[in-house]
Amino acid sequence: MKIIVTHASPDWDAITSTWLLKKYLSGWQEAEVRFVPAGNRLSGQPDPRDTKHKGENPIEKIGEDDVIHVDTGMLPLDHHQVQDVNVSAASLVWDYVREQIAHAGHLTPEHDEAVSRVVKIVVDTDHFKEVYWPDAAADRYEFGFLGILEGLKFIKPGRDLEFLEFGILCLNALTAQFENRIWAEREIKEKGIKFDTRFGPGIGFETINDTVLKLSQKMGYVVVVRKDPRKGYIRIKTLPSTEKVKGADLTLAYEQLRKIDPDATWFLHISKKMLLNGSPKNPKMRPTKLSLKEIIKVVERV
């Protein structure tokens, strides 16, 4: 049997370490996970003199079982004997797993970067660096994975396996989102068509990746246009209005596009900040025949 050992009431470092082993280490997908008091090993408390294991094989043979300890036990994949705020159990496990994957050649550069970004955030939060995030005390951070896990522990105390299963679901989703983000970053840099509007800078894309819309806005583009090359649908979004940012009003663009292509279905959101032509939420909408460049010309003029 293969067994992964980590500490009770697992935090994101312990959960991420376990996820990395189960997801990426060949033969460990069905490994059983056991929880011990923090700092302990499967066999109990470690001898305080027995704490130098850097570079050793983390897989131990205990009886008939193959065992890996993570984030506990002062073994190779525990970081509590290391005074380095850039290291945690998750980073140690990822370094180890990447080395094993490299031999098999099963890791794409995009996926490697996505997981590495996830692990970097886990390392930072394991050393409490979230206290230095911008506006760190803001309520919005409670919607993040740190706040949600803590909330689960309040309403379901002691259910370590449930915390692990929830964490694994989140980590798989986060990795997929980071892959989308990395793809979007590349498209913004290499394929974005930049233009000017009276409201501020704009950028347009022909891509199936919807992440470019929000990411472009976060990067300071006031107007973002995306055309889906498969279905021909168009999405135009502008920054939401705040006390400091007025944002664009897409009413004139809506009126002009309806005149130019009246057969298409155009929907202007009540906020006047989002103009849609086609949506998976409404499959009856008719896509426009206009090209991305023709759409951009309209947005530039209004």
Protein backbone atom coordinates (compact mmCIF):
# COMPACT_ATOMS: atom_id res chain seq x y z
CA MET A 1 0.00 0.00 0.00
CA LYS A 2 1.08 3.59 -0.67
CA ILE A 3 0.44 6.06 2.15
CA ILE A 4 0.80 9.85 2.27
CA VAL A 5 1.11 11.23 5.80
CA THR A 6 0.40 14.85 6.69
CA HIS A 7 -0.76 16.77 9.74
CA ALA A 8 -4.28 16.97 11.14
CA SER A 9 -6.44 20.01 10.31
CA PRO A 10 -4.47 20.36 7.07
CA ASP A 11 -3.65 23.86 5.84
CA TRP A 12 -3.12 24.77 2.19
CA ASP A 13 0.53 23.76 2.35
CA ALA A 14 -0.33 20.24 3.51
CA ILE A 15 -3.26 19.97 1.10
CA THR A 16 -1.22 21.20 -1.87
CA SER A 17 1.66 18.84 -1.04
CA THR A 18 -0.72 15.88 -0.91
CA TRP A 19 -2.44 16.96 -4.15
CA LEU A 20 0.87 17.24 -5.99
CA LEU A 21 1.85 13.71 -5.01
CA LYS A 22 -1.52 12.17 -5.84
CA LYS A 23 -1.86 14.03 -9.14
CA TYR A 24 1.66 13.95 -10.55
CA LEU A 25 3.72 11.21 -8.92
CA SER A 26 3.35 8.04 -10.95
CA GLY A 27 1.64 5.24 -9.04
CA TRP A 28 0.47 7.44 -6.15
CA GLN A 29 -2.93 8.50 -7.52
CA GLU A 30 -4.80 6.07 -5.23
CA ALA A 31 -2.53 6.52 -2.22
CA GLU A 32 -4.24 6.48 1.17
CA VAL A 33 -3.89 9.71 3.18
CA ARG A 34 -3.41 9.58 6.93
CA PHE A 35 -3.35 12.48 9.37
CA VAL A 36 -1.09 12.75 12.42
CA PRO A 37 -0.56 15.46 15.05
CA ALA A 38 1.53 18.28 13.59
CA GLY A 39 5.24 17.48 13.67
CA ASN A 40 4.70 13.76 14.13
CA ARG A 41 5.43 10.83 11.89
CA LEU A 42 3.28 7.80 11.25
CA SER A 43 5.26 6.04 13.98
CA GLY A 44 4.93 8.91 16.47
CA GLN A 45 7.15 11.84 17.41
CA PRO A 46 10.53 12.02 15.63
CA ASP A 47 13.76 11.88 17.54
CA PRO A 48 14.84 15.57 17.83
CA ARG A 49 18.35 14.51 16.72
CA ASP A 50 16.97 12.94 13.53
CA THR A 51 16.08 16.01 11.46
CA LYS A 52 18.64 16.25 8.63
CA HIS A 53 17.21 14.53 5.57
CA LYS A 54 17.73 17.03 2.77
CA GLY A 55 18.24 15.30 -0.58
CA GLU A 56 17.16 11.88 0.67
CA ASN A 57 14.53 9.77 -1.05
CA PRO A 58 11.24 10.82 0.60
CA ILE A 59 9.69 7.38 0.06
CA GLU A 60 10.15 5.18 3.13
CA LYS A 61 9.50 1.48 3.36
CA ILE A 62 7.50 0.79 6.52
CA GLY A 63 6.64 -2.89 6.67
CA GLU A 64 4.84 -3.66 3.41
CA ASP A 65 3.93 -0.03 2.78
CA ASP A 66 5.53 2.82 0.81
CA VAL A 67 5.14 5.98 2.89
CA ILE A 68 5.75 9.68 2.17
CA HIS A 69 5.48 12.31 4.89
CA VAL A 70 4.64 15.88 3.83
CA ASP A 71 4.59 19.03 5.99
CA THR A 72 5.25 16.98 9.10
CA GLY A 73 7.82 14.67 10.68
CA MET A 74 11.03 16.64 9.89
CA LEU A 75 11.63 14.43 6.83
CA PRO A 76 12.72 15.49 3.28
CA LEU A 77 9.32 16.98 2.33
CA ASP A 78 8.80 18.91 5.57
CA HIS A 79 10.10 22.49 5.67
CA HIS A 80 9.90 23.19 9.39
CA GLN A 81 13.62 22.57 9.85
CA VAL A 82 14.41 25.15 7.12
CA GLN A 83 14.58 28.88 7.89
CA ASP A 84 13.68 30.11 4.44
CA VAL A 85 10.46 32.04 3.77
CA ASN A 86 10.62 31.06 0.11
CA VAL A 87 10.29 27.36 0.91
CA SER A 88 7.36 25.30 2.15
CA ALA A 89 6.35 21.66 1.96
CA ALA A 90 4.49 22.38 -1.29
CA SER A 91 7.60 23.82 -2.96
CA LEU A 92 9.72 20.89 -1.75
CA VAL A 93 7.16 18.42 -3.09
CA TRP A 94 6.83 20.28 -6.40
CA ASP A 95 10.61 20.28 -6.88
CA TYR A 96 10.68 16.55 -6.19
CA VAL A 97 7.68 15.77 -8.40
CA ARG A 98 8.94 17.90 -11.29
CA GLU A 99 12.20 15.97 -11.26
CA GLN A 100 10.27 12.69 -11.53
CA ILE A 101 7.99 14.08 -14.27
CA ALA A 102 10.97 15.43 -16.22
CA HIS A 103 12.29 11.92 -16.61
CA ALA A 104 8.97 10.87 -18.15
CA GLY A 105 8.55 14.06 -20.24
CA HIS A 106 4.86 14.47 -19.36
CA LEU A 107 4.79 18.14 -18.34
CA THR A 108 4.08 20.94 -20.82
CA PRO A 109 5.71 24.35 -20.19
CA GLU A 110 2.28 25.98 -19.78
CA HIS A 111 1.13 23.46 -17.19
CA ASP A 112 4.44 23.64 -15.38
CA GLU A 113 4.11 27.42 -15.09
CA ALA A 114 0.47 27.18 -13.96
CA VAL A 115 1.26 24.76 -11.13
CA SER A 116 4.38 26.74 -10.20
CA ARG A 117 2.28 29.89 -9.79
CA VAL A 118 -0.19 28.05 -7.58
CA VAL A 119 2.65 26.68 -5.45
CA LYS A 120 4.24 30.14 -5.16
CA ILE A 121 1.04 31.56 -3.65
CA VAL A 122 0.78 28.62 -1.26
CA VAL A 123 4.37 29.20 -0.12
CA ASP A 124 3.70 32.92 0.45
CA THR A 125 0.54 32.29 2.45
CA ASP A 126 2.20 29.53 4.48
CA HIS A 127 4.60 32.23 5.67
CA PHE A 128 1.68 34.64 6.26
CA LYS A 129 2.76 37.04 3.51
CA GLU A 130 -0.89 37.75 2.68
CA VAL A 131 -0.75 40.40 5.42
CA TYR A 132 1.27 42.45 2.91
CA TRP A 133 -1.22 42.13 0.07
CA PRO A 134 -2.76 45.44 -1.07
CA ASP A 135 -5.63 46.42 1.24
CA ALA A 136 -4.98 43.17 3.16
CA ALA A 137 -7.84 43.62 5.63
CA ALA A 138 -10.50 43.97 2.89
CA ASP A 139 -13.53 41.69 3.07
CA ARG A 140 -12.97 40.42 -0.50
CA TYR A 141 -10.10 38.21 0.60
CA GLU A 142 -12.50 36.09 2.64
CA PHE A 143 -13.86 34.90 -0.72
CA GLY A 144 -10.43 33.43 -1.50
CA PHE A 145 -9.22 29.93 -0.78
CA LEU A 146 -7.68 30.94 2.57
CA GLY A 147 -10.93 32.28 3.99
CA ILE A 148 -13.11 29.49 2.62
CA LEU A 149 -10.95 26.72 4.11
CA GLU A 150 -10.97 28.42 7.51
CA GLY A 151 -14.75 28.75 7.28
CA LEU A 152 -15.09 25.04 6.51
CA LYS A 153 -13.06 24.21 9.59
CA PHE A 154 -15.49 26.27 11.69
CA ILE A 155 -18.61 24.56 10.38
CA LYS A 156 -17.16 21.04 9.99
CA PRO A 157 -14.44 20.66 12.63
CA GLY A 158 -12.31 17.55 12.51
CA ARG A 159 -13.28 16.43 9.01
CA ASP A 160 -9.74 16.35 7.67
CA LEU A 161 -10.49 14.15 4.67
CA GLU A 162 -13.29 16.51 3.59
CA PHE A 163 -10.92 19.47 3.85
CA LEU A 164 -8.44 17.59 1.67
CA GLU A 165 -11.07 16.67 -0.94
CA PHE A 166 -12.31 20.27 -1.07
CA GLY A 167 -8.75 21.54 -1.41
CA ILE A 168 -7.95 19.14 -4.25
CA LEU A 169 -11.06 20.28 -6.13
CA CYS A 170 -9.97 23.92 -5.69
CA LEU A 171 -6.40 23.24 -6.74
CA ASN A 172 -7.48 21.48 -9.93
CA ALA A 173 -9.73 24.44 -10.74
CA LEU A 174 -7.00 26.97 -9.90
CA THR A 175 -4.51 25.20 -12.13
CA ALA A 176 -6.96 25.29 -15.04
CA GLN A 177 -7.59 29.00 -14.40
CA PHE A 178 -3.89 29.76 -14.30
CA GLU A 179 -3.42 27.94 -17.60
CA ASN A 180 -6.16 30.15 -19.06
CA ARG A 181 -4.48 33.21 -17.59
CA ILE A 182 -1.06 32.30 -19.00
CA TRP A 183 -2.68 31.75 -22.41
CA ALA A 184 -4.49 35.10 -22.10
CA GLU A 185 -1.28 36.90 -21.11
CA ARG A 186 0.40 35.54 -24.23
CA GLU A 187 -2.50 36.57 -26.46
CA ILE A 188 -2.60 40.08 -24.98
CA LYS A 189 1.12 40.44 -25.66
CA GLU A 190 1.26 38.80 -29.10
CA LYS A 191 -2.18 39.06 -30.72
CA GLY A 192 -3.99 42.02 -29.18
CA ILE A 193 -5.06 44.75 -31.61
CA LYS A 194 -4.63 48.03 -29.76
CA PHE A 195 -6.77 51.07 -30.56
CA ASP A 196 -7.82 54.38 -29.03
CA THR A 197 -11.26 55.58 -27.98
CA ARG A 198 -12.42 58.84 -26.45
CA PHE A 199 -12.77 56.94 -23.18
CA GLY A 200 -9.22 55.60 -23.18
CA PRO A 201 -7.13 52.75 -24.63
CA GLY A 202 -8.82 49.71 -26.13
CA ILE A 203 -7.72 46.27 -27.28
CA GLY A 204 -9.35 43.59 -29.43
CA PHE A 205 -8.87 39.84 -29.92
CA GLU A 206 -10.11 36.99 -32.03
CA THR A 207 -9.86 34.15 -29.54
CA ILE A 208 -11.89 31.48 -27.76
CA ASN A 209 -10.29 32.46 -24.44
CA ASP A 210 -12.72 34.68 -22.56
CA THR A 211 -10.14 35.38 -19.85
CA VAL A 212 -8.57 38.08 -22.07
CA LEU A 213 -11.54 40.37 -21.34
CA LYS A 214 -11.18 40.70 -17.59
CA LEU A 215 -7.40 40.44 -17.61
CA SER A 216 -7.11 43.24 -20.17
CA GLN A 217 -9.33 45.44 -18.02
CA LYS A 218 -7.12 44.73 -15.00
CA MET A 219 -4.16 45.81 -17.12
CA GLY A 220 -5.76 49.20 -17.77
CA TYR A 221 -7.60 48.83 -21.09
CA VAL A 222 -10.88 50.77 -20.89
CA VAL A 223 -12.57 48.97 -23.78
CA VAL A 224 -12.00 45.31 -24.68
CA VAL A 225 -13.47 43.52 -27.72
CA ARG A 226 -13.42 39.75 -28.20
CA LYS A 227 -14.66 37.78 -31.19
CA ASP A 228 -15.13 34.04 -30.90
CA PRO A 229 -13.63 32.58 -34.11
CA ARG A 230 -15.77 29.43 -33.82
CA LYS A 231 -19.22 30.94 -33.42
CA GLY A 232 -18.64 34.53 -34.56
CA TYR A 233 -19.98 35.95 -31.31
CA ILE A 234 -18.79 39.37 -30.13
CA ARG A 235 -18.30 40.58 -26.55
CA ILE A 236 -17.46 44.22 -25.81
CA LYS A 237 -16.80 45.25 -22.23
CA THR A 238 -15.70 48.48 -20.58
CA LEU A 239 -14.45 49.32 -17.12
CA PRO A 240 -17.19 49.69 -14.49
CA SER A 241 -17.75 53.21 -13.24
CA THR A 242 -16.39 54.25 -9.86
CA GLU A 243 -15.81 57.56 -8.10
CA LYS A 244 -12.45 57.81 -9.87
CA VAL A 245 -13.25 56.05 -13.19
CA LYS A 246 -16.21 56.98 -15.33
CA GLY A 247 -15.86 54.14 -17.81
CA ALA A 248 -17.28 54.08 -21.32
CA ASP A 249 -20.91 54.21 -22.42
CA LEU A 250 -21.53 51.69 -25.21
CA THR A 251 -24.94 53.07 -26.23
CA LEU A 252 -23.68 54.76 -29.42
CA ALA A 253 -21.71 51.65 -30.40
CA TYR A 254 -24.86 49.59 -29.89
CA GLU A 255 -26.91 51.91 -32.10
CA GLN A 256 -24.27 52.01 -34.84
CA LEU A 257 -23.81 48.25 -34.92
CA ARG A 258 -27.56 47.68 -35.13
CA LYS A 259 -27.67 49.93 -38.20
CA ILE A 260 -24.67 48.31 -39.88
CA ASP A 261 -25.74 44.72 -39.16
CA PRO A 262 -29.47 44.68 -38.31
CA ASP A 263 -29.76 40.91 -38.86
CA ALA A 264 -27.49 40.17 -35.93
CA THR A 265 -28.79 40.05 -32.37
CA TRP A 266 -27.31 42.84 -30.25
CA PHE A 267 -27.82 43.14 -26.50
CA LEU A 268 -26.79 46.21 -24.50
CA HIS A 269 -26.58 45.58 -20.77
CA ILE A 270 -28.53 48.04 -18.61
CA SER A 271 -25.21 49.34 -17.20
CA LYS A 272 -24.18 50.39 -20.75
CA LYS A 273 -20.82 48.77 -19.98
CA MET A 274 -21.34 45.48 -21.81
CA LEU A 275 -22.47 44.91 -25.40
CA LEU A 276 -23.06 41.35 -26.53
CA ASN A 277 -23.73 39.67 -29.83
CA GLY A 278 -24.29 36.01 -29.07
CA SER A 279 -23.95 34.21 -25.76
CA PRO A 280 -23.97 30.62 -24.51
CA LYS A 281 -26.68 31.84 -22.14
CA ASN A 282 -28.91 32.58 -25.15
CA PRO A 283 -28.21 30.20 -28.08
CA LYS A 284 -30.96 31.85 -30.16
CA MET A 285 -28.91 35.02 -30.64
CA ARG A 286 -27.70 35.50 -34.23
CA PRO A 287 -23.96 36.19 -34.65
CA THR A 288 -22.76 39.21 -36.57
CA LYS A 289 -21.16 38.99 -40.01
CA LEU A 290 -18.81 41.87 -39.18
CA SER A 291 -15.11 41.21 -38.74
CA LEU A 292 -13.21 42.09 -35.59
CA LYS A 293 -11.53 45.04 -37.35
CA GLU A 294 -14.92 46.36 -38.51
CA ILE A 295 -16.23 46.17 -34.95
CA ILE A 296 -13.16 47.99 -33.65
CA LYS A 297 -13.65 50.79 -36.20
CA VAL A 298 -17.16 51.39 -34.88
CA VAL A 299 -15.95 51.43 -31.24
CA GLU A 300 -13.14 53.84 -32.15
CA ARG A 301 -15.55 56.38 -33.66
CA VAL A 302 -18.20 56.55 -30.96
